[in-house]
Amino acid sequence: MSARPSEVLVLGGGVIGLACALELLRAGRTVTVLEQGGAGGATSHGNCGTITPSHATPLAMPGMIGEALAQVLHADAPFRVKPRFDPALWAWMLQFARRCNWRDFDRVNRIKAPLLLRSRRGIEALVREEGLDCEFEALGTMYLYRDPAAFEHAQWLPRALREVDVPIEVLDGAAARAREPALNDRIVGAHYNPADGHLRPDRYVAELTRRVRERGGTILEQEPVLALQARAGAIESVQTRGGRHTARDYVLALGAWSPKLARTLDLRLPIQPGKGYSITYERPARCPRIPLVCKERSVCVTAWSSGYRLGSTMEFAGFDASLNRTRLDALERGAGEYLHEPFGPRRLEEWYGWRPMTWDDLPIIGRSPRHPNLVLATGHGMLGVTMSAVTAELVTDLVCARPPALDPAPLGLQRFA
C-alpha cells in the first residue's frame, strides 16, 4: 500500500505523465507518479525536441498509401513495416488507409491546430514560470527540399496551415540559405514555420521531474503497473510489482504501453508502437541554429548549446528492442544531402523509442467511458513533447472539474466506437 495515498495516481513518468503531474500539483492536488523505468527515460528522452504547431496536418492524407508502399520493402526508407503476422497492426493500417482522404484530413487539421498552438504557448509559459532549464528557444523550424518537383508538390502545406491560422513562410533556396547558413547549395526551397520552437527533451523531462518533487509530488521509479482493479465501475486500486496503490483519480499516461494495461479493464486503445531513432553528437563546426526537417529523407536535425541530434524514421516492428544499424546510418546519409556538415565530430548516444500512434493521428484525452475516475492521456504519436502542456491542462480540467480550456470531445476514446 502507498505510504501516503495521493488524490491522483499518474500511471507513467514520461513527458505526458510528468507534465500532468506538475499541472495537477499547481492546481492543488496531491500526486504520485508510477513509472516502470526511470522518470523521463523512455520515448521522451531521445527525440528531437521540436515543438511544432506546423505538424497540425495529419499523417493520413491522399497519396500517403502509395508513398508508404513504395518504401515498405526498403530497409533504409523513412517508413518501414517489419514483416510478421500481426492482425492488430494490419487492422490499424486498414483504419489509417481509410482516412487518407481530404475530408478526414481537413477535420483532423482543424482539431489539432488549436491544441498545438495552445500547447506551444503553454510550454513557453511553463518554462518561464517553473524555471525549467531545458534550452528552450523560439526560433521556428524549417522544412527543406532539394527536389524541385517535391517542393512544388508540397504547396498544399502552406494552404492547409493558413486555413487553421498556423503561420508559414515559403522561401526559395537562396532565402533559405540566407536564413540558415548551414544549408548546402542543393536546397531549392523551404517552408519556415515561425510559430514552432524547440528544447532539449531529456533536460525537459528531467526538469519536470525536479519540479514535481519540489512541489511535493511523489515519483516511484522502477514501479511497473501490472493491473488496474475496478469495482462498481470505478477504479479502486493499482497493482504494481511493489504493492497496491489507491487514489481518488487515476491518469493513464503510459504511451505505447497503454493498450496492454487498458486491456485489464476490457478497454481497447487503438495504439501501435511506431519506432523512431536518433543519434546525438557533439556540435559540428557549421552547426544549424534553426531546427530542420529534410523532407525527402524525413530526417529531423536539432541543435542545442549542449549538443546536436539527428532523428526520425517510422518503423512498425512491435516492441523490437534493437538498434537497427541500417536505419541509423540512413539518418546520416539523409542529413548529408542537405547540410554542409551533417554530423558532429563524436557520437554521444544512439537511441530508439516507441511512439504511441493512433490511426487518426489524434491523442486520446478524456475520461474512460466506463470508469468515471480514470482519465486517459495517451496516443500522442510523434507529438508528445509538443502536446505536453495542453494535455496537462485538459487532464487537470477534467480531474478538478474545471471548464475545459478546449473542447476535449473530439479526443475521447468514444470516437473509435
Protein backbone atom coordinates (compact mmCIF):
# COMPACT_ATOMS: atom_id res chain seq x y z
CA MET A 1 0.00 0.00 0.00
CA SER A 2 1.19 3.53 -0.72
CA ALA A 3 2.73 5.05 2.41
CA ARG A 4 0.92 8.31 1.72
CA PRO A 5 -2.13 7.89 -0.54
CA SER A 6 -2.46 10.72 -3.05
CA GLU A 7 -5.55 12.26 -4.56
CA VAL A 8 -4.26 11.41 -8.04
CA LEU A 9 -2.16 8.50 -9.28
CA VAL A 10 -0.46 9.19 -12.62
CA LEU A 11 0.49 5.97 -14.38
CA GLY A 12 3.55 6.73 -16.49
CA GLY A 13 6.50 9.04 -15.91
CA GLY A 14 7.20 10.15 -19.47
CA VAL A 15 6.71 13.67 -20.74
CA ILE A 16 2.90 13.43 -20.66
CA GLY A 17 2.68 11.88 -17.20
CA LEU A 18 5.19 14.31 -15.70
CA ALA A 19 3.53 17.35 -17.29
CA CYS A 20 0.14 16.19 -15.99
CA ALA A 21 1.57 15.62 -12.51
CA LEU A 22 3.08 19.09 -12.39
CA GLU A 23 -0.10 20.80 -13.57
CA LEU A 24 -2.19 18.86 -11.06
CA LEU A 25 0.20 19.91 -8.28
CA ARG A 26 -0.08 23.52 -9.46
CA ALA A 27 -3.86 23.13 -9.12
CA GLY A 28 -3.50 21.99 -5.51
CA ARG A 29 -3.86 18.21 -5.86
CA THR A 30 -1.58 15.67 -4.18
CA VAL A 31 0.02 13.43 -6.81
CA THR A 32 2.00 10.20 -7.08
CA VAL A 33 3.61 9.10 -10.37
CA LEU A 34 4.27 5.41 -11.02
CA GLU A 35 6.99 4.82 -13.64
CA GLN A 36 8.08 1.39 -14.91
CA GLY A 37 11.66 2.57 -15.55
CA GLY A 38 13.40 5.83 -14.81
CA ALA A 39 11.37 9.05 -14.97
CA GLY A 40 11.58 10.52 -18.48
CA GLY A 41 13.86 7.74 -19.66
CA ALA A 42 11.81 6.24 -22.49
CA THR A 43 10.35 7.90 -25.60
CA SER A 44 10.65 11.35 -24.03
CA HIS A 45 14.41 11.04 -23.73
CA GLY A 46 15.87 10.90 -27.23
CA ASN A 47 13.54 12.62 -29.67
CA CYS A 48 14.46 15.84 -31.44
CA GLY A 49 12.64 18.14 -29.04
CA THR A 50 10.80 20.28 -31.58
CA ILE A 51 7.54 21.97 -30.54
CA THR A 52 5.57 22.08 -33.74
CA PRO A 53 2.21 23.68 -34.47
CA SER A 54 3.41 23.16 -38.06
CA HIS A 55 2.59 19.45 -37.55
CA ALA A 56 -1.14 20.17 -37.37
CA THR A 57 -1.68 18.40 -40.70
CA PRO A 58 -2.35 14.67 -40.12
CA LEU A 59 -0.17 11.87 -41.38
CA ALA A 60 -3.13 10.31 -43.19
CA MET A 61 -3.72 12.18 -46.45
CA PRO A 62 -4.38 11.38 -50.10
CA GLY A 63 -1.36 9.74 -51.71
CA MET A 64 0.16 8.52 -48.44
CA ILE A 65 -0.60 4.85 -49.08
CA GLY A 66 1.22 4.91 -52.41
CA GLU A 67 4.23 6.58 -50.81
CA ALA A 68 4.27 4.03 -47.99
CA LEU A 69 4.04 1.06 -50.36
CA ALA A 70 6.93 2.44 -52.41
CA GLN A 71 9.11 2.49 -49.27
CA VAL A 72 8.00 -0.57 -47.38
CA LEU A 73 10.46 -3.03 -48.94
CA HIS A 74 13.50 -0.76 -48.47
CA ALA A 75 15.27 -1.37 -45.15
CA ASP A 76 16.65 2.19 -45.00
CA ALA A 77 13.48 4.02 -46.08
CA PRO A 78 11.91 6.57 -43.70
CA PHE A 79 8.87 4.27 -43.33
CA ARG A 80 9.18 0.55 -42.70
CA VAL A 81 6.94 -2.30 -41.55
CA LYS A 82 8.80 -5.32 -40.21
CA PRO A 83 7.36 -8.40 -41.97
CA ARG A 84 5.44 -10.53 -39.47
CA PHE A 85 2.00 -11.93 -38.69
CA ASP A 86 0.29 -9.22 -36.64
CA PRO A 87 -3.50 -8.94 -37.13
CA ALA A 88 -3.77 -5.94 -34.78
CA LEU A 89 -1.21 -3.99 -36.83
CA TRP A 90 -2.90 -4.76 -40.13
CA ALA A 91 -6.30 -3.77 -38.71
CA TRP A 92 -4.69 -0.50 -37.57
CA MET A 93 -3.19 0.05 -41.03
CA LEU A 94 -6.57 -0.52 -42.66
CA GLN A 95 -8.19 2.12 -40.46
CA PHE A 96 -5.35 4.52 -41.26
CA ALA A 97 -5.79 3.90 -45.01
CA ARG A 98 -9.50 4.68 -44.78
CA ARG A 99 -8.62 8.15 -43.51
CA CYS A 100 -6.33 9.06 -46.40
CA ASN A 101 -8.85 11.47 -47.91
CA TRP A 102 -9.25 15.25 -47.88
CA ARG A 103 -12.42 15.25 -45.76
CA ASP A 104 -10.78 13.47 -42.81
CA PHE A 105 -7.55 15.39 -43.39
CA ASP A 106 -9.36 18.71 -43.03
CA ARG A 107 -11.28 17.58 -39.95
CA VAL A 108 -8.15 16.44 -38.08
CA ASN A 109 -6.18 19.50 -39.18
CA ARG A 110 -8.84 21.75 -37.59
CA ILE A 111 -8.80 19.75 -34.35
CA LYS A 112 -5.01 19.54 -33.99
CA ALA A 113 -4.06 23.13 -34.79
CA PRO A 114 -5.68 24.81 -31.74
CA LEU A 115 -4.22 22.10 -29.47
CA LEU A 116 -0.71 22.58 -30.81
CA LEU A 117 -0.80 26.38 -30.79
CA ARG A 118 -2.10 26.46 -27.22
CA SER A 119 0.47 23.90 -26.09
CA ARG A 120 3.33 25.81 -27.74
CA ARG A 121 2.38 28.90 -25.72
CA GLY A 122 1.82 26.78 -22.63
CA ILE A 123 5.28 25.21 -22.78
CA GLU A 124 6.94 28.60 -23.05
CA ALA A 125 4.93 29.84 -20.07
CA LEU A 126 5.74 26.71 -18.07
CA VAL A 127 9.46 27.02 -18.77
CA ARG A 128 9.37 30.63 -17.55
CA GLU A 129 7.09 30.18 -14.53
CA GLU A 130 8.71 26.98 -13.22
CA GLY A 131 12.30 27.94 -14.11
CA LEU A 132 12.88 24.88 -16.32
CA ASP A 133 16.48 24.75 -17.55
CA CYS A 134 15.88 22.85 -20.81
CA GLU A 135 17.42 25.05 -23.54
CA PHE A 136 14.04 26.24 -24.81
CA GLU A 137 14.20 28.58 -27.81
CA ALA A 138 11.50 30.07 -30.03
CA LEU A 139 13.34 30.10 -33.36
CA GLY A 140 10.79 28.32 -35.54
CA THR A 141 11.59 25.33 -37.72
CA MET A 142 12.39 24.93 -41.41
CA TYR A 143 11.27 22.19 -43.81
CA LEU A 144 13.87 21.69 -46.54
CA TYR A 145 13.53 20.46 -50.13
CA ARG A 146 16.25 19.58 -52.62
CA ASP A 147 13.93 18.23 -55.33
CA PRO A 148 12.04 20.95 -57.27
CA ALA A 149 9.16 18.57 -58.01
CA ALA A 150 8.80 17.64 -54.32
CA PHE A 151 8.82 21.33 -53.33
CA GLU A 152 6.17 22.13 -55.92
CA HIS A 153 4.05 19.17 -54.83
CA ALA A 154 4.22 20.34 -51.19
CA GLN A 155 2.46 23.62 -51.88
CA TRP A 156 -0.65 22.11 -50.29
CA LEU A 157 1.07 22.59 -46.92
CA PRO A 158 1.00 26.42 -46.76
CA ARG A 159 -2.65 26.39 -47.79
CA ALA A 160 -3.57 23.79 -45.16
CA LEU A 161 -1.75 25.56 -42.33
CA ARG A 162 -3.04 29.01 -43.17
CA GLU A 163 -6.59 27.65 -43.10
CA VAL A 164 -6.10 26.85 -39.39
CA ASP A 165 -4.16 30.03 -38.51
CA VAL A 166 -0.72 28.40 -38.27
CA PRO A 167 1.80 30.84 -39.81
CA ILE A 168 4.18 29.65 -42.52
CA GLU A 169 6.57 31.31 -44.98
CA VAL A 170 7.59 29.95 -48.38
CA LEU A 171 11.29 30.50 -49.19
CA ASP A 172 13.35 29.82 -52.28
CA GLY A 173 16.76 28.16 -51.93
CA ALA A 174 18.72 31.40 -51.67
CA ALA A 175 16.40 32.78 -48.99
CA ALA A 176 16.59 29.52 -47.03
CA ARG A 177 20.41 29.58 -47.10
CA ALA A 178 20.45 33.22 -46.06
CA ARG A 179 18.33 32.39 -43.03
CA GLU A 180 20.28 29.21 -42.19
CA PRO A 181 23.88 29.24 -43.50
CA ALA A 182 24.44 25.58 -42.54
CA LEU A 183 22.40 24.53 -45.61
CA ASN A 184 24.25 23.42 -48.73
CA ASP A 185 23.68 24.56 -52.32
CA ARG A 186 21.36 21.67 -53.17
CA ILE A 187 18.43 23.26 -51.32
CA VAL A 188 15.83 24.52 -53.82
CA GLY A 189 13.17 25.72 -51.37
CA ALA A 190 11.90 25.64 -47.81
CA HIS A 191 8.93 26.26 -45.57
CA TYR A 192 9.75 28.30 -42.49
CA ASN A 193 7.39 27.84 -39.51
CA PRO A 194 7.76 30.84 -37.17
CA ALA A 195 5.33 29.55 -34.51
CA ASP A 196 7.48 26.48 -33.77
CA GLY A 197 10.09 26.18 -31.04
CA HIS A 198 12.43 23.59 -29.58
CA LEU A 199 14.03 22.40 -26.37
CA ARG A 200 16.30 19.58 -25.22
CA PRO A 201 13.79 16.84 -24.36
CA ASP A 202 15.91 14.85 -21.92
CA ARG A 203 16.50 18.04 -19.93
CA TYR A 204 12.83 19.00 -20.20
CA VAL A 205 11.70 15.73 -18.58
CA ALA A 206 14.49 15.97 -16.01
CA GLU A 207 13.30 19.46 -15.10
CA LEU A 208 9.66 18.35 -14.95
CA THR A 209 10.78 15.57 -12.61
CA ARG A 210 12.63 18.06 -10.41
CA ARG A 211 9.68 20.43 -10.14
CA VAL A 212 7.16 17.65 -9.44
CA ARG A 213 9.28 16.58 -6.49
CA GLU A 214 9.95 20.12 -5.32
CA ARG A 215 6.21 20.83 -5.32
CA GLY A 216 5.61 17.82 -3.08
CA GLY A 217 4.76 15.16 -5.64
CA THR A 218 5.99 11.58 -5.29
CA ILE A 219 7.64 9.74 -8.19
CA LEU A 220 8.11 6.00 -7.73
CA GLU A 221 10.59 4.67 -10.30
CA GLN A 222 11.13 1.02 -11.32
CA GLU A 223 7.49 0.53 -10.36
CA PRO A 224 5.73 -1.13 -13.33
CA VAL A 225 1.95 -1.15 -13.20
CA LEU A 226 0.63 -4.71 -13.55
CA ALA A 227 -3.13 -4.23 -13.37
CA LEU A 228 -5.96 -1.89 -12.51
CA GLN A 229 -8.72 -3.13 -10.24
CA ALA A 230 -12.25 -1.76 -10.65
CA ARG A 231 -15.38 -2.09 -8.52
CA ALA A 232 -18.85 -0.82 -9.41
CA GLY A 233 -17.41 0.90 -12.48
CA ALA A 234 -14.76 2.94 -10.67
CA ILE A 235 -11.02 2.25 -10.41
CA GLU A 236 -10.36 1.07 -6.88
CA SER A 237 -6.61 0.45 -6.90
CA VAL A 238 -3.47 -0.14 -8.94
CA GLN A 239 -1.34 -3.23 -8.52
CA THR A 240 2.40 -2.82 -9.12
CA ARG A 241 5.40 -5.01 -8.55
CA GLY A 242 5.94 -3.09 -5.32
CA GLY A 243 2.42 -3.33 -3.93
CA ARG A 244 -1.06 -1.86 -4.13
CA HIS A 245 -1.77 1.86 -4.55
CA THR A 246 -5.03 3.75 -4.18
CA ALA A 247 -6.23 7.23 -5.08
CA ARG A 248 -9.38 9.14 -5.86
CA ASP A 249 -8.49 9.73 -9.52
CA TYR A 250 -6.18 7.92 -11.94
CA VAL A 251 -4.43 9.16 -15.09
CA LEU A 252 -3.31 6.62 -17.69
CA ALA A 253 -0.26 8.09 -19.44
CA LEU A 254 1.79 5.04 -20.42
CA GLY A 255 2.35 5.98 -24.05
CA ALA A 256 2.86 2.97 -26.33
CA TRP A 257 2.37 0.61 -23.36
CA SER A 258 -1.13 1.96 -22.60
CA PRO A 259 -3.12 -0.67 -24.56
CA LYS A 260 -1.70 -3.57 -22.56
CA LEU A 261 -2.76 -2.09 -19.23
CA ALA A 262 -6.10 -0.86 -20.57
CA ARG A 263 -6.97 -4.42 -21.59
CA THR A 264 -7.07 -5.36 -17.89
CA LEU A 265 -10.19 -3.16 -17.80
CA ASP A 266 -11.51 -4.50 -21.13
CA LEU A 267 -10.70 -1.16 -22.79
CA ARG A 268 -9.39 -1.29 -26.36
CA LEU A 269 -6.97 1.51 -27.25
CA PRO A 270 -6.12 1.59 -31.00
CA ILE A 271 -2.44 2.39 -30.47
CA GLN A 272 0.55 0.85 -32.26
CA PRO A 273 4.20 1.44 -31.27
CA GLY A 274 5.93 3.45 -34.01
CA LYS A 275 9.67 3.10 -33.50
CA GLY A 276 11.86 6.14 -34.03
CA TYR A 277 15.63 6.52 -33.90
CA SER A 278 18.11 9.26 -33.10
CA ILE A 279 21.85 9.87 -32.90
CA THR A 280 23.27 12.54 -30.59
CA TYR A 281 26.66 14.14 -31.29
CA GLU A 282 28.96 16.87 -30.21
CA ARG A 283 28.10 20.01 -32.18
CA PRO A 284 29.61 20.24 -35.68
CA ALA A 285 31.62 23.35 -36.59
CA ARG A 286 28.95 24.53 -39.07
CA CYS A 287 26.00 23.83 -36.84
CA PRO A 288 22.45 24.85 -37.83
CA ARG A 289 20.73 27.24 -35.47
CA ILE A 290 17.16 26.56 -36.63
CA PRO A 291 15.72 23.02 -36.27
CA LEU A 292 15.34 21.43 -39.70
CA VAL A 293 13.34 18.69 -41.39
CA CYS A 294 14.95 17.24 -44.50
CA LYS A 295 11.66 16.44 -46.19
CA GLU A 296 12.57 13.96 -48.91
CA ARG A 297 14.55 11.87 -46.38
CA SER A 298 12.33 12.57 -43.33
CA VAL A 299 15.33 13.40 -41.15
CA CYS A 300 14.99 15.91 -38.31
CA VAL A 301 18.02 17.98 -37.28
CA THR A 302 18.11 19.83 -33.95
CA ALA A 303 20.98 21.62 -32.21
CA TRP A 304 21.30 22.97 -28.70
CA SER A 305 24.19 24.68 -26.97
CA SER A 306 24.90 21.30 -25.35
CA GLY A 307 24.70 19.03 -28.39
CA TYR A 308 23.33 18.09 -31.79
CA ARG A 309 20.85 15.40 -32.85
CA LEU A 310 19.62 13.64 -35.99
CA GLY A 311 16.37 11.74 -35.64
CA SER A 312 13.11 10.46 -37.08
CA THR A 313 12.06 7.43 -39.18
CA MET A 314 8.91 5.39 -38.55
CA GLU A 315 9.23 1.65 -38.08
CA PHE A 316 6.33 -0.61 -37.19
CA ALA A 317 8.23 -3.52 -35.67
CA GLY A 318 6.27 -4.14 -32.48
CA PHE A 319 8.39 -3.74 -29.36
CA ASP A 320 11.58 -4.87 -31.09
CA ALA A 321 14.26 -3.73 -28.64
CA SER A 322 17.21 -3.49 -31.03
CA LEU A 323 19.12 -0.68 -32.70
CA ASN A 324 18.81 -1.11 -36.46
CA ARG A 325 22.18 -0.06 -37.91
CA THR A 326 20.74 0.37 -41.41
CA ARG A 327 18.20 2.90 -40.17
CA LEU A 328 20.71 4.78 -38.04
CA ASP A 329 23.10 5.08 -40.98
CA ALA A 330 20.24 6.38 -43.13
CA LEU A 331 19.90 9.37 -40.79
CA GLU A 332 23.48 10.44 -41.51
CA ARG A 333 23.21 9.85 -45.25
CA GLY A 334 19.95 11.77 -45.41
CA ALA A 335 21.26 14.79 -43.50
CA GLY A 336 24.33 14.81 -45.74
CA GLU A 337 22.15 15.67 -48.73
CA TYR A 338 21.07 18.98 -47.14
CA LEU A 339 23.86 20.24 -44.87
CA HIS A 340 27.45 21.33 -45.26
CA GLU A 341 28.36 19.41 -42.11
CA PRO A 342 25.66 16.83 -41.37
CA PHE A 343 27.00 15.34 -38.14
CA GLY A 344 29.32 16.20 -35.28
CA PRO A 345 32.87 15.02 -34.55
CA ARG A 346 31.85 12.40 -31.97
CA ARG A 347 28.75 10.27 -31.40
CA LEU A 348 27.47 10.54 -27.86
CA GLU A 349 24.37 8.33 -27.98
CA GLU A 350 22.40 6.08 -30.32
CA TRP A 351 18.78 5.71 -29.29
CA TYR A 352 15.35 4.36 -30.17
CA GLY A 353 11.91 4.88 -28.68
CA TRP A 354 8.32 3.81 -29.34
CA ARG A 355 5.79 6.47 -30.22
CA PRO A 356 2.14 5.72 -29.34
CA MET A 357 0.45 6.01 -32.76
CA THR A 358 -3.33 6.24 -33.24
CA TRP A 359 -4.76 5.71 -36.70
CA ASP A 360 -6.41 9.15 -36.86
CA ASP A 361 -3.26 10.98 -35.63
CA LEU A 362 -5.06 12.49 -32.63
CA PRO A 363 -4.27 11.78 -28.97
CA ILE A 364 -6.68 10.03 -26.64
CA ILE A 365 -7.54 12.51 -23.88
CA GLY A 366 -10.66 12.19 -21.75
CA ARG A 367 -12.43 10.12 -19.15
CA SER A 368 -12.79 6.41 -19.68
CA PRO A 369 -16.31 5.73 -20.97
CA ARG A 370 -16.67 3.00 -18.32
CA HIS A 371 -14.68 4.35 -15.37
CA PRO A 372 -15.54 7.89 -14.16
CA ASN A 373 -12.35 8.28 -12.10
CA LEU A 374 -9.95 7.21 -14.88
CA VAL A 375 -8.60 9.86 -17.28
CA LEU A 376 -6.82 8.74 -20.44
CA ALA A 377 -3.83 10.77 -21.66
CA THR A 378 -2.07 8.76 -24.34
CA GLY A 379 -1.71 8.20 -28.09
CA HIS A 380 0.25 11.37 -28.85
CA GLY A 381 2.22 9.84 -31.72
CA MET A 382 5.23 11.98 -32.63
CA LEU A 383 3.90 14.99 -30.71
CA GLY A 384 4.24 14.07 -27.05
CA VAL A 385 6.61 16.92 -26.21
CA THR A 386 4.61 19.39 -28.31
CA MET A 387 1.28 18.41 -26.72
CA SER A 388 2.57 18.03 -23.16
CA ALA A 389 1.31 21.38 -21.86
CA VAL A 390 -2.17 21.27 -23.41
CA THR A 391 -2.64 17.63 -22.38
CA ALA A 392 -1.71 18.51 -18.80
CA GLU A 393 -4.15 21.40 -18.88
CA LEU A 394 -7.03 19.29 -20.22
CA VAL A 395 -6.35 16.44 -17.79
CA THR A 396 -6.29 18.87 -14.85
CA ASP A 397 -9.52 20.46 -16.08
CA LEU A 398 -11.16 17.03 -16.01
CA VAL A 399 -9.77 15.96 -12.63
CA CYS A 400 -10.59 19.29 -10.99
CA ALA A 401 -13.98 19.65 -12.72
CA ARG A 402 -12.93 22.97 -14.27
CA PRO A 403 -14.40 24.33 -17.50
CA PRO A 404 -12.09 22.90 -20.18
CA ALA A 405 -9.61 25.13 -22.00
CA LEU A 406 -10.59 23.44 -25.27
CA ASP A 407 -13.39 21.01 -26.09
CA PRO A 408 -11.98 17.53 -25.32
CA ALA A 409 -14.85 15.67 -27.01
CA PRO A 410 -13.02 15.04 -30.35
CA LEU A 411 -10.15 13.43 -28.39
CA GLY A 412 -12.22 10.95 -26.38
CA LEU A 413 -12.00 7.18 -26.69
CA GLN A 414 -15.66 7.13 -27.75
CA ARG A 415 -14.67 8.28 -31.25
CA PHE A 416 -13.38 4.78 -32.00
CA ALA A 417 -16.66 3.05 -31.13
